[in-house]
C-alpha atoms as a PDB file:
ATOM      1  CA  MET A   1       8.440   4.272 -11.438  1.00  0.00           C
ATOM      2  CA  LYS A   2       5.882   2.057  -9.691  1.00  0.00           C
ATOM      3  CA  ARG A   3       4.722   0.703 -13.062  1.00  0.00           C
ATOM      4  CA  PHE A   4       8.337  -0.198 -13.804  1.00  0.00           C
ATOM      5  CA  LEU A   5       8.682  -1.952 -10.440  1.00  0.00           C
ATOM      6  CA  ILE A   6       5.532  -3.959 -11.082  1.00  0.00           C
ATOM      7  CA  CYS A   7       6.907  -5.051 -14.432  1.00  0.00           C
ATOM      8  CA  VAL A   8      10.201  -6.008 -12.801  1.00  0.00           C
ATOM      9  CA  ALA A   9       8.427  -8.016 -10.104  1.00  0.00           C
ATOM     10  CA  ILE A  10       6.306  -9.858 -12.662  1.00  0.00           C
ATOM     11  CA  ALA A  11       9.335 -10.444 -14.868  1.00  0.00           C
ATOM     12  CA  ALA A  12      11.118 -11.943 -11.883  1.00  0.00           C
ATOM     13  CA  CYS A  13       8.218 -14.330 -11.355  1.00  0.00           C
ATOM     14  CA  LEU A  14       8.162 -15.263 -15.025  1.00  0.00           C
ATOM     15  CA  THR A  15      11.882 -15.689 -15.572  1.00  0.00           C
ATOM     16  CA  ALA A  16      13.685 -16.162 -12.267  1.00  0.00           C
ATOM     17  CA  CYS A  17      11.317 -18.870 -11.106  1.00  0.00           C
ATOM     18  CA  GLY A  18      13.196 -21.380 -13.164  1.00  0.00           C
ATOM     19  CA  GLY A  19      16.529 -20.169 -11.797  1.00  0.00           C
ATOM     20  CA  ASN A  20      19.454 -22.092 -10.470  1.00  0.00           C
ATOM     21  CA  ASN A  21      18.622 -22.288  -6.783  1.00  0.00           C
ATOM     22  CA  GLY A  22      21.346 -24.425  -5.340  1.00  0.00           C
ATOM     23  CA  SER A  23      22.668 -25.203  -8.821  1.00  0.00           C
ATOM     24  CA  LYS A  24      26.322 -25.688  -9.579  1.00  0.00           C
ATOM     25  CA  THR A  25      28.624 -24.359 -12.254  1.00  0.00           C
ATOM     26  CA  ALA A  26      31.599 -26.377 -13.429  1.00  0.00           C
ATOM     27  CA  SER A  27      34.873 -25.277 -14.967  1.00  0.00           C
ATOM     28  CA  LYS A  28      38.167 -26.978 -15.721  1.00  0.00           C
ATOM     29  CA  GLN A  29      41.594 -25.782 -14.733  1.00  0.00           C
ATOM     30  CA  GLY A  30      44.186 -28.154 -16.192  1.00  0.00           C
ATOM     31  CA  ASN A  31      42.962 -31.676 -15.527  1.00  0.00           C
ATOM     32  CA  VAL A  32      40.935 -30.709 -12.420  1.00  0.00           C
ATOM     33  CA  GLU A  33      37.196 -30.105 -12.678  1.00  0.00           C
ATOM     34  CA  GLN A  34      36.064 -27.520 -10.141  1.00  0.00           C
ATOM     35  CA  THR A  35      32.445 -27.117  -9.062  1.00  0.00           C
ATOM     36  CA  ALA A  36      31.171 -23.977  -7.329  1.00  0.00           C
ATOM     37  CA  ALA A  37      27.753 -23.453  -5.788  1.00  0.00           C
ATOM     38  CA  ALA A  38      25.799 -20.594  -7.355  1.00  0.00           C
ATOM     39  CA  PRO A  39      24.405 -17.907  -5.023  1.00  0.00           C
ATOM     40  CA  LYS A  40      20.989 -18.619  -3.628  1.00  0.00           C
ATOM     41  CA  LYS A  41      18.103 -17.027  -5.475  1.00  0.00           C
ATOM     42  CA  PHE A  42      14.624 -16.544  -4.140  1.00  0.00           C
ATOM     43  CA  PRO A  43      12.251 -19.214  -5.496  1.00  0.00           C
ATOM     44  CA  TYR A  44       9.767 -16.986  -7.282  1.00  0.00           C
ATOM     45  CA  PRO A  45       6.422 -18.491  -8.301  1.00  0.00           C
ATOM     46  CA  GLU A  46       6.195 -20.232 -11.644  1.00  0.00           C
ATOM     47  CA  VAL A  47       3.470 -18.464 -13.598  1.00  0.00           C
ATOM     48  CA  PRO A  48       2.019 -21.021 -16.049  1.00  0.00           C
ATOM     49  CA  SER A  49       2.711 -20.278 -19.699  1.00  0.00           C
ATOM     50  CA  TYR A  50      -0.992 -20.400 -20.566  1.00  0.00           C
ATOM     51  CA  ILE A  51      -1.593 -17.246 -18.488  1.00  0.00           C
ATOM     52  CA  GLY A  52      -0.998 -14.565 -21.067  1.00  0.00           C
ATOM     53  CA  GLU A  53      -2.661 -11.438 -19.695  1.00  0.00           C
ATOM     54  CA  ALA A  54      -0.554  -9.292 -17.381  1.00  0.00           C
ATOM     55  CA  SER A  55      -3.410  -8.821 -14.901  1.00  0.00           C
ATOM     56  CA  ALA A  56      -3.964 -12.578 -14.663  1.00  0.00           C
ATOM     57  CA  ALA A  57      -0.224 -13.100 -14.215  1.00  0.00           C
ATOM     58  CA  ARG A  58      -0.184 -10.579 -11.376  1.00  0.00           C
ATOM     59  CA  ASP A  59      -3.132 -12.296  -9.692  1.00  0.00           C
ATOM     60  CA  TYR A  60      -1.442 -15.687  -9.962  1.00  0.00           C
ATOM     61  CA  ALA A  61       1.919 -14.346  -8.756  1.00  0.00           C
ATOM     62  CA  ALA A  62       0.260 -12.686  -5.752  1.00  0.00           C
ATOM     63  CA  GLY A  63      -1.599 -15.838  -4.748  1.00  0.00           C
ATOM     64  CA  HIS A  64       1.331 -18.220  -5.196  1.00  0.00           C
ATOM     65  CA  PHE A  65       4.262 -15.944  -4.363  1.00  0.00           C
ATOM     66  CA  TRP A  66       5.356 -17.851  -1.262  1.00  0.00           C
ATOM     67  CA  ASP A  67       4.518 -21.454  -2.225  1.00  0.00           C
ATOM     68  CA  ARG A  68       7.982 -22.537  -3.340  1.00  0.00           C
ATOM     69  CA  PHE A  69       9.683 -20.639  -0.520  1.00  0.00           C
ATOM     70  CA  PHE A  70       7.628 -22.306   2.217  1.00  0.00           C
ATOM     71  CA  ALA A  71       8.070 -25.698   0.586  1.00  0.00           C
ATOM     72  CA  SER A  72      11.630 -25.520   1.911  1.00  0.00           C
ATOM     73  CA  PRO A  73      12.199 -22.404   4.045  1.00  0.00           C
ATOM     74  CA  LYS A  74      15.349 -23.812   5.644  1.00  0.00           C
ATOM     75  CA  ASP A  75      17.107 -23.330   2.300  1.00  0.00           C
ATOM     76  CA  TYR A  76      16.515 -19.566   2.378  1.00  0.00           C
ATOM     77  CA  GLN A  77      17.533 -18.107   5.719  1.00  0.00           C
ATOM     78  CA  ASP A  78      19.087 -14.872   4.452  1.00  0.00           C
ATOM     79  CA  ARG A  79      16.948 -12.039   5.850  1.00  0.00           C
ATOM     80  CA  ASP A  80      17.986  -9.618   3.106  1.00  0.00           C
ATOM     81  CA  LEU A  81      17.044 -12.155   0.441  1.00  0.00           C
ATOM     82  CA  ILE A  82      13.614 -12.683   2.001  1.00  0.00           C
ATOM     83  CA  GLU A  83      12.972  -8.979   2.505  1.00  0.00           C
ATOM     84  CA  GLY A  84      13.997  -8.211  -1.063  1.00  0.00           C
ATOM     85  CA  ALA A  85      11.441 -10.754  -2.226  1.00  0.00           C
ATOM     86  CA  PHE A  86       8.848  -9.276   0.132  1.00  0.00           C
ATOM     87  CA  ALA A  87       9.307  -5.859  -1.511  1.00  0.00           C
ATOM     88  CA  GLY A  88       8.490  -7.505  -4.850  1.00  0.00           C
ATOM     89  CA  TYR A  89       5.465  -9.182  -3.271  1.00  0.00           C
ATOM     90  CA  ALA A  90       4.293  -5.841  -1.857  1.00  0.00           C
ATOM     91  CA  THR A  91       4.684  -4.241  -5.285  1.00  0.00           C
ATOM     92  CA  ILE A  92       2.476  -6.907  -6.835  1.00  0.00           C
ATOM     93  CA  LEU A  93      -0.139  -6.629  -4.068  1.00  0.00           C
ATOM     94  CA  ASN A  94      -0.336  -2.879  -4.704  1.00  0.00           C
ATOM     95  CA  SER A  95      -1.329  -3.659  -8.306  1.00  0.00           C
ATOM     96  CA  VAL A  96      -4.084  -6.257  -7.767  1.00  0.00           C
ATOM     97  CA  SER A  97      -7.656  -5.986  -6.512  1.00  0.00           C
ATOM     98  CA  PRO A  98      -8.408  -5.922  -2.764  1.00  0.00           C
ATOM     99  CA  GLU A  99     -10.003  -9.356  -3.105  1.00  0.00           C
ATOM    100  CA  VAL A 100      -6.847 -10.839  -4.619  1.00  0.00           C
ATOM    101  CA  SER A 101      -4.554  -9.158  -2.080  1.00  0.00           C
ATOM    102  CA  ARG A 102      -6.712 -10.408   0.817  1.00  0.00           C
ATOM    103  CA  LYS A 103      -6.548 -14.006  -0.393  1.00  0.00           C
ATOM    104  CA  ALA A 104      -2.796 -13.688  -0.954  1.00  0.00           C
ATOM    105  CA  GLN A 105      -2.263 -12.370   2.571  1.00  0.00           C
ATOM    106  CA  GLU A 106      -4.435 -15.061   4.129  1.00  0.00           C
ATOM    107  CA  HIS A 107      -2.490 -17.686   2.182  1.00  0.00           C
ATOM    108  CA  LEU A 108       0.844 -16.235   3.299  1.00  0.00           C
ATOM    109  CA  LEU A 109      -0.189 -16.295   6.962  1.00  0.00           C
ATOM    110  CA  ALA A 110      -1.448 -19.870   6.662  1.00  0.00           C
ATOM    111  CA  LEU A 111       1.864 -20.961   5.140  1.00  0.00           C
ATOM    112  CA  ALA A 112       3.853 -19.107   7.804  1.00  0.00           C
ATOM    113  CA  GLU A 113       1.800 -20.601  10.637  1.00  0.00           C
ATOM    114  CA  LYS A 114       2.233 -24.104   9.211  1.00  0.00           C
ATOM    115  CA  SER A 115       5.974 -23.454   8.894  1.00  0.00           C
ATOM    116  CA  LEU A 116       6.168 -22.424  12.560  1.00  0.00           C
ATOM    117  CA  LYS A 117       4.653 -25.741  13.632  1.00  0.00           C
ATOM    118  CA  GLU A 118       7.006 -27.748  11.425  1.00  0.00           C
ATOM    119  CA  TRP A 119      10.155 -25.681  12.025  1.00  0.00           C
ATOM    120  CA  PRO A 120       9.648 -23.572  15.184  1.00  0.00           C
ATOM    121  CA  GLU A 121      13.285 -22.503  15.478  1.00  0.00           C
ATOM    122  CA  GLY A 122      13.041 -20.776  12.081  1.00  0.00           C
ATOM    123  CA  ASP A 123      10.013 -18.696  13.177  1.00  0.00           C
ATOM    124  CA  MET A 124       9.196 -17.412   9.701  1.00  0.00           C
ATOM    125  CA  LEU A 125       5.802 -16.376  11.056  1.00  0.00           C
ATOM    126  CA  SER A 126       7.305 -13.591  13.182  1.00  0.00           C
ATOM    127  CA  LEU A 127       9.393 -12.440  10.221  1.00  0.00           C
ATOM    128  CA  MET A 128       6.374 -12.267   7.909  1.00  0.00           C
ATOM    129  CA  LEU A 129       4.333 -10.399  10.523  1.00  0.00           C
ATOM    130  CA  GLU A 130       7.199  -7.940  10.917  1.00  0.00           C
ATOM    131  CA  PHE A 131       7.461  -7.368   7.170  1.00  0.00           C
ATOM    132  CA  CYS A 132       3.686  -6.984   6.829  1.00  0.00           C
ATOM    133  CA  GLY A 133       3.702  -4.306   9.506  1.00  0.00           C
ATOM    134  CA  HIS A 134       6.684  -2.494   8.024  1.00  0.00           C
ATOM    135  CA  TYR A 135       5.505  -2.546   4.404  1.00  0.00           C
ATOM    136  CA  PHE A 136       1.718  -2.288   4.697  1.00  0.00           C
ATOM    137  CA  ASP A 137       1.032  -0.505   8.001  1.00  0.00           C
ATOM    138  CA  ASP A 138       3.875   1.992   8.393  1.00  0.00           C
ATOM    139  CA  PRO A 139       2.535   5.426   7.299  1.00  0.00           C
ATOM    140  CA  ASN A 140       5.949   6.220   5.782  1.00  0.00           C
ATOM    141  CA  SER A 141       6.029   3.113   3.590  1.00  0.00           C
ATOM    142  CA  PRO A 142       5.501   3.650  -0.164  1.00  0.00           C
ATOM    143  CA  TYR A 143       3.728   0.253  -0.150  1.00  0.00           C
ATOM    144  CA  ARG A 144       1.333   1.095   2.670  1.00  0.00           C
ATOM    145  CA  ASP A 145      -2.107  -0.343   2.118  1.00  0.00           C
ATOM    146  CA  GLU A 146      -4.608  -0.984   4.889  1.00  0.00           C
ATOM    147  CA  GLU A 147      -6.433  -3.533   2.733  1.00  0.00           C
ATOM    148  CA  CYS A 148      -3.238  -5.601   2.770  1.00  0.00           C
ATOM    149  CA  TYR A 149      -2.821  -5.178   6.519  1.00  0.00           C
ATOM    150  CA  LEU A 150      -6.421  -5.858   7.571  1.00  0.00           C
ATOM    151  CA  PRO A 151      -6.087  -9.660   7.044  1.00  0.00           C
ATOM    152  CA  VAL A 152      -3.047  -9.553   9.344  1.00  0.00           C
ATOM    153  CA  VAL A 153      -5.031  -7.747  12.044  1.00  0.00           C
ATOM    154  CA  GLU A 154      -7.861 -10.249  11.700  1.00  0.00           C
ATOM    155  CA  TRP A 155      -5.447 -13.177  11.904  1.00  0.00           C
ATOM    156  CA  ILE A 156      -3.867 -11.769  15.084  1.00  0.00           C
ATOM    157  CA  LEU A 157      -7.292 -11.463  16.683  1.00  0.00           C
ATOM    158  CA  SER A 158      -8.397 -14.978  15.713  1.00  0.00           C
ATOM    159  CA  SER A 159      -5.175 -16.881  16.440  1.00  0.00           C
ATOM    160  CA  ASP A 160      -3.978 -18.106  19.836  1.00  0.00           C
ATOM    161  CA  LEU A 161      -0.322 -17.542  18.852  1.00  0.00           C
ATOM    162  CA  PRO A 162       0.123 -13.752  19.256  1.00  0.00           C
ATOM    163  CA  ASP A 163       0.714 -12.277  22.696  1.00  0.00           C
ATOM    164  CA  GLU A 164      -1.785 -10.071  24.524  1.00  0.00           C
ATOM    165  CA  ALA A 165      -0.029  -6.831  23.549  1.00  0.00           C
ATOM    166  CA  SER A 166      -0.304  -7.738  19.857  1.00  0.00           C
ATOM    167  CA  LYS A 167      -3.946  -8.635  20.276  1.00  0.00           C
ATOM    168  CA  ALA A 168      -4.671  -5.367  22.090  1.00  0.00           C
ATOM    169  CA  ARG A 169      -3.085  -3.340  19.310  1.00  0.00           C
ATOM    170  CA  ALA A 170      -4.960  -5.337  16.656  1.00  0.00           C
ATOM    171  CA  ALA A 171      -8.253  -4.799  18.495  1.00  0.00           C
ATOM    172  CA  TYR A 172      -7.531  -1.054  18.536  1.00  0.00           C
ATOM    173  CA  LEU A 173      -6.561  -0.931  14.859  1.00  0.00           C
ATOM    174  CA  LYS A 174      -9.322  -3.017  13.316  1.00  0.00           C
ATOM    175  CA  PRO A 175     -12.194  -0.511  13.598  1.00  0.00           C
ATOM    176  CA  LEU A 176      -9.899   2.323  12.532  1.00  0.00           C
ATOM    177  CA  ILE A 177      -8.506   0.716   9.380  1.00  0.00           C
ATOM    178  CA  SER A 178     -12.000  -0.518   8.550  1.00  0.00           C
ATOM    179  CA  LEU A 179     -13.133   3.086   8.061  1.00  0.00           C
ATOM    180  CA  ASN A 180     -13.664   4.235   4.458  1.00  0.00           C
ATOM    181  CA  ARG A 181     -12.504   1.032   2.812  1.00  0.00           C
ATOM    182  CA  PRO A 182     -12.183   0.965  -1.004  1.00  0.00           C
ATOM    183  CA  GLY A 183     -15.588   0.416  -2.580  1.00  0.00           C
ATOM    184  CA  THR A 184     -17.475   2.026   0.307  1.00  0.00           C
ATOM    185  CA  VAL A 185     -18.885   5.566   0.389  1.00  0.00           C
ATOM    186  CA  ALA A 186     -16.477   7.910   2.150  1.00  0.00           C
ATOM    187  CA  ASN A 187     -17.797   9.415   5.359  1.00  0.00           C
ATOM    188  CA  ASP A 188     -19.211  12.888   4.888  1.00  0.00           C
ATOM    189  CA  PHE A 189     -18.108  15.925   6.883  1.00  0.00           C
ATOM    190  CA  THR A 190     -18.515  19.691   6.849  1.00  0.00           C
ATOM    191  CA  TYR A 191     -15.638  21.994   5.961  1.00  0.00           C
ATOM    192  CA  THR A 192     -15.280  25.763   6.331  1.00  0.00           C
ATOM    193  CA  THR A 193     -13.339  27.943   3.881  1.00  0.00           C
ATOM    194  CA  ALA A 194     -11.255  31.008   4.702  1.00  0.00           C
ATOM    195  CA  THR A 195     -14.224  33.252   3.798  1.00  0.00           C
ATOM    196  CA  GLY A 196     -16.472  31.384   6.234  1.00  0.00           C
ATOM    197  CA  ARG A 197     -18.430  29.497   3.574  1.00  0.00           C
ATOM    198  CA  ARG A 198     -19.423  26.011   4.672  1.00  0.00           C
ATOM    199  CA  GLY A 199     -19.771  22.947   2.478  1.00  0.00           C
ATOM    200  CA  THR A 200     -19.798  19.182   2.697  1.00  0.00           C
ATOM    201  CA  LEU A 201     -17.694  16.564   0.975  1.00  0.00           C
ATOM    202  CA  HIS A 202     -20.706  14.778  -0.496  1.00  0.00           C
ATOM    203  CA  LYS A 203     -21.984  17.942  -2.183  1.00  0.00           C
ATOM    204  CA  VAL A 204     -18.806  18.351  -4.240  1.00  0.00           C
ATOM    205  CA  LYS A 205     -19.803  17.476  -7.806  1.00  0.00           C
ATOM    206  CA  ALA A 206     -17.191  15.833 -10.016  1.00  0.00           C
ATOM    207  CA  GLU A 207     -16.416  12.505 -11.653  1.00  0.00           C
ATOM    208  CA  ARG A 208     -13.418  12.263  -9.340  1.00  0.00           C
ATOM    209  CA  THR A 209     -12.731  13.961  -6.019  1.00  0.00           C
ATOM    210  CA  LEU A 210      -9.237  14.075  -4.585  1.00  0.00           C
ATOM    211  CA  LEU A 211      -9.501  14.459  -0.810  1.00  0.00           C
ATOM    212  CA  PHE A 212      -6.229  15.853   0.517  1.00  0.00           C
ATOM    213  CA  PHE A 213      -5.648  16.168   4.275  1.00  0.00           C
ATOM    214  CA  SER A 214      -2.739  18.565   4.792  1.00  0.00           C
ATOM    215  CA  ASN A 215      -0.986  20.833   7.270  1.00  0.00           C
ATOM    216  CA  PRO A 216       0.611  24.239   6.546  1.00  0.00           C
ATOM    217  CA  GLY A 217       4.400  24.102   6.288  1.00  0.00           C
ATOM    218  CA  CYS A 218       4.482  20.317   5.994  1.00  0.00           C
ATOM    219  CA  ALA A 219       7.317  19.370   3.592  1.00  0.00           C
ATOM    220  CA  ASN A 220       5.570  16.258   2.289  1.00  0.00           C
ATOM    221  CA  CYS A 221       2.367  18.252   1.794  1.00  0.00           C
ATOM    222  CA  LYS A 222       4.321  20.812  -0.270  1.00  0.00           C
ATOM    223  CA  GLU A 223       5.692  17.981  -2.397  1.00  0.00           C
ATOM    224  CA  ILE A 224       2.139  16.844  -3.134  1.00  0.00           C
ATOM    225  CA  ILE A 225       0.971  20.395  -3.878  1.00  0.00           C
ATOM    226  CA  ASP A 226       3.818  20.844  -6.366  1.00  0.00           C
ATOM    227  CA  ALA A 227       3.277  17.434  -8.003  1.00  0.00           C
ATOM    228  CA  LEU A 228      -0.454  18.024  -8.473  1.00  0.00           C
ATOM    229  CA  SER A 229       0.088  21.579  -9.699  1.00  0.00           C
ATOM    230  CA  ASN A 230       2.745  20.501 -12.217  1.00  0.00           C
ATOM    231  CA  SER A 231       0.785  17.602 -13.719  1.00  0.00           C
ATOM    232  CA  PRO A 232      -0.720  18.586 -17.093  1.00  0.00           C
ATOM    233  CA  ARG A 233      -3.199  15.718 -16.879  1.00  0.00           C
ATOM    234  CA  ILE A 234      -4.480  16.748 -13.450  1.00  0.00           C
ATOM    235  CA  GLY A 235      -4.554  20.398 -14.513  1.00  0.00           C
ATOM    236  CA  SER A 236      -6.690  19.443 -17.511  1.00  0.00           C
ATOM    237  CA  MET A 237      -9.079  17.395 -15.353  1.00  0.00           C
ATOM    238  CA  ILE A 238      -9.490  20.282 -12.912  1.00  0.00           C
ATOM    239  CA  ALA A 239     -10.039  22.752 -15.759  1.00  0.00           C
ATOM    240  CA  ASP A 240     -12.844  20.719 -17.350  1.00  0.00           C
ATOM    241  CA  GLY A 241     -14.463  19.898 -13.994  1.00  0.00           C
ATOM    242  CA  THR A 242     -13.692  16.180 -14.145  1.00  0.00           C
ATOM    243  CA  LEU A 243     -11.626  16.419 -10.952  1.00  0.00           C
ATOM    244  CA  LYS A 244     -12.111  18.484  -7.824  1.00  0.00           C
ATOM    245  CA  VAL A 245      -9.397  18.746  -5.185  1.00  0.00           C
ATOM    246  CA  VAL A 246     -10.728  19.156  -1.646  1.00  0.00           C
ATOM    247  CA  ASN A 247      -7.831  20.242   0.558  1.00  0.00           C
ATOM    248  CA  ILE A 248      -8.678  20.003   4.263  1.00  0.00           C
ATOM    249  CA  TYR A 249      -6.757  21.122   7.341  1.00  0.00           C
ATOM    250  CA  PRO A 250      -7.905  18.796  10.163  1.00  0.00           C
ATOM    251  CA  ASP A 251      -6.365  20.580  13.156  1.00  0.00           C
ATOM    252  CA  ALA A 252      -7.636  23.400  15.371  1.00  0.00           C
ATOM    253  CA  ASP A 253      -4.828  26.014  15.334  1.00  0.00           C
ATOM    254  CA  LEU A 254      -5.758  28.224  12.375  1.00  0.00           C
ATOM    255  CA  THR A 255      -3.100  30.942  12.698  1.00  0.00           C
ATOM    256  CA  GLU A 256      -0.496  29.238  10.502  1.00  0.00           C
ATOM    257  CA  TRP A 257      -3.190  27.893   8.163  1.00  0.00           C
ATOM    258  CA  TYR A 258      -4.392  31.398   7.295  1.00  0.00           C
ATOM    259  CA  LYS A 259      -0.784  32.507   6.709  1.00  0.00           C
ATOM    260  CA  TYR A 260      -0.197  29.571   4.383  1.00  0.00           C
ATOM    261  CA  LEU A 261      -3.313  29.971   2.196  1.00  0.00           C
ATOM    262  CA  SER A 262      -1.420  31.572  -0.699  1.00  0.00           C
ATOM    263  CA  HIS A 263       0.476  28.280  -1.224  1.00  0.00           C
ATOM    264  CA  TYR A 264      -2.724  26.439  -2.182  1.00  0.00           C
ATOM    265  CA  PRO A 265      -3.983  26.674  -5.791  1.00  0.00           C
ATOM    266  CA  GLU A 266      -7.013  28.945  -6.111  1.00  0.00           C
ATOM    267  CA  GLU A 267      -8.932  26.345  -8.120  1.00  0.00           C
ATOM    268  CA  TRP A 268      -8.876  23.908  -5.189  1.00  0.00           C
ATOM    269  CA  ILE A 269     -11.541  23.778  -2.503  1.00  0.00           C
ATOM    270  CA  THR A 270      -9.488  24.589   0.591  1.00  0.00           C
ATOM    271  CA  GLY A 271     -10.998  24.499   4.047  1.00  0.00           C
ATOM    272  CA  PHE A 272     -10.635  23.434   7.655  1.00  0.00           C
ATOM    273  CA  ASP A 273     -12.557  21.231  10.073  1.00  0.00           C
ATOM    274  CA  ALA A 274     -14.380  23.783  12.231  1.00  0.00           C
ATOM    275  CA  GLU A 275     -16.363  21.053  13.979  1.00  0.00           C
ATOM    276  CA  GLY A 276     -13.264  19.109  15.045  1.00  0.00           C
ATOM    277  CA  VAL A 277     -14.590  15.735  13.945  1.00  0.00           C
ATOM    278  CA  LEU A 278     -11.611  14.581  11.885  1.00  0.00           C
ATOM    279  CA  ASN A 279      -9.021  14.486  14.643  1.00  0.00           C
ATOM    280  CA  ALA A 280     -11.304  12.308  16.742  1.00  0.00           C
ATOM    281  CA  ASN A 281     -10.474   9.342  14.435  1.00  0.00           C
ATOM    282  CA  THR A 282     -14.129   8.331  14.365  1.00  0.00           C
ATOM    283  CA  ILE A 283     -14.938   8.980  10.703  1.00  0.00           C
ATOM    284  CA  TYR A 284     -11.399   9.021   9.219  1.00  0.00           C
ATOM    285  CA  TYR A 285      -8.241   7.394  10.531  1.00  0.00           C
ATOM    286  CA  LEU A 286      -5.668  10.155  10.033  1.00  0.00           C
ATOM    287  CA  ARG A 287      -2.596   8.523  11.487  1.00  0.00           C
ATOM    288  CA  ALA A 288      -0.237  10.743   9.487  1.00  0.00           C
ATOM    289  CA  ILE A 289      -0.365  13.886   7.401  1.00  0.00           C
ATOM    290  CA  PRO A 290      -0.448  14.200   4.413  1.00  0.00           C
ATOM    291  CA  SER A 291      -3.128  11.710   3.475  1.00  0.00           C
ATOM    292  CA  LEU A 292      -4.739  11.272   0.043  1.00  0.00           C
ATOM    293  CA  TYR A 293      -8.072   9.690  -0.881  1.00  0.00           C
ATOM    294  CA  LEU A 294      -9.446   9.350  -4.405  1.00  0.00           C
ATOM    295  CA  LEU A 295     -13.243   9.162  -4.678  1.00  0.00           C
ATOM    296  CA  ASP A 296     -15.586   8.501  -7.595  1.00  0.00           C
ATOM    297  CA  ALA A 297     -18.681  10.509  -8.574  1.00  0.00           C
ATOM    298  CA  ASP A 298     -20.729   8.840  -5.835  1.00  0.00           C
ATOM    299  CA  LYS A 299     -17.966   9.455  -3.286  1.00  0.00           C
ATOM    300  CA  ARG A 300     -17.018   5.793  -3.179  1.00  0.00           C
ATOM    301  CA  VAL A 301     -13.391   5.255  -2.217  1.00  0.00           C
ATOM    302  CA  ILE A 302     -11.117   4.273  -5.108  1.00  0.00           C
ATOM    303  CA  LEU A 303      -7.798   4.802  -3.325  1.00  0.00           C
ATOM    304  CA  LYS A 304      -7.417   5.165   0.430  1.00  0.00           C
ATOM    305  CA  ASP A 305      -4.472   6.950   2.070  1.00  0.00           C
ATOM    306  CA  ALA A 306      -2.584   6.347  -1.165  1.00  0.00           C
ATOM    307  CA  PRO A 307       1.091   7.220  -1.690  1.00  0.00           C
ATOM    308  CA  LEU A 308       1.498  10.118  -4.119  1.00  0.00           C
ATOM    309  CA  GLU A 309       3.118   7.958  -6.797  1.00  0.00           C
ATOM    310  CA  ARG A 310       0.216   5.493  -6.856  1.00  0.00           C
ATOM    311  CA  LEU A 311      -2.323   8.305  -6.996  1.00  0.00           C
ATOM    312  CA  LEU A 312      -0.560  10.045  -9.891  1.00  0.00           C
ATOM    313  CA  GLU A 313      -0.261   6.797 -11.810  1.00  0.00           C
ATOM    314  CA  HIS A 314      -3.983   6.175 -11.415  1.00  0.00           C
ATOM    315  CA  LEU A 315      -5.039   9.681 -12.443  1.00  0.00           C
ATOM    316  CA  GLU A 316      -2.651   9.895 -15.384  1.00  0.00           C
ATOM    317  CA  GLN A 317      -3.675   6.583 -16.960  1.00  0.00           C
END
């Protein structure tokens, strides 16, 4: 589904960009020519025809998504229209590299800040900050991505425009969302299994490690368990040792966890945090459960707190 949405978003940039924003359609009834204004369409970026590769088109669309909109924001004051476009923008940012998404976010904030100075009553800056928080920082958002939200946090801290409450929250968030960033080695920790055996994350040997923080009885956790268990591709990777699933309970009350053990696949490494380091938010920022991390053979983070759909798409490629 996410792959389809990415294709739709790119197609919109490739085809709708030349749309009829503010255009008129004419028809004749008798001898009277009638002209009606067409509905407003979002001014998607115009991806140059010489960019043929899909990845290059995504990069260009991400970096230039808001250029035509902020060239004349007064023409597009429909909140639903703007938010619909933002969902397409978020879809594209989920499909590009962290470097590209960072530059795109920094460019968006620069455009929004410039717009505020030129048209303060429109306050598109506040709207963009709101959408960034809702789409990239909300733990329930399917677009959530801390790499997309970190530039927003850094902008809030460096700008004199946000209020003190916003700055205080940004100062609190920055060190937390900077933990275990993609490309860095995930922080190690010790887990304990139901039999009392102890192990560490870094000693798990596999080309890919899926780190799954879960709680017993959690409906969303059960959805992930079922999706992973029912995927032939993931089952094959686990069977040949390419993938190891490390399923960790981060809380202290073990009564329900022991009762729930039969729900976890036997081939997974299932354990709990006996040392209580995970809930301290000092080595992992577990703002919501479930939380999924995908690591490479060296335990470098590939995906961080990824939505299930994005994780499955990556593993099943």
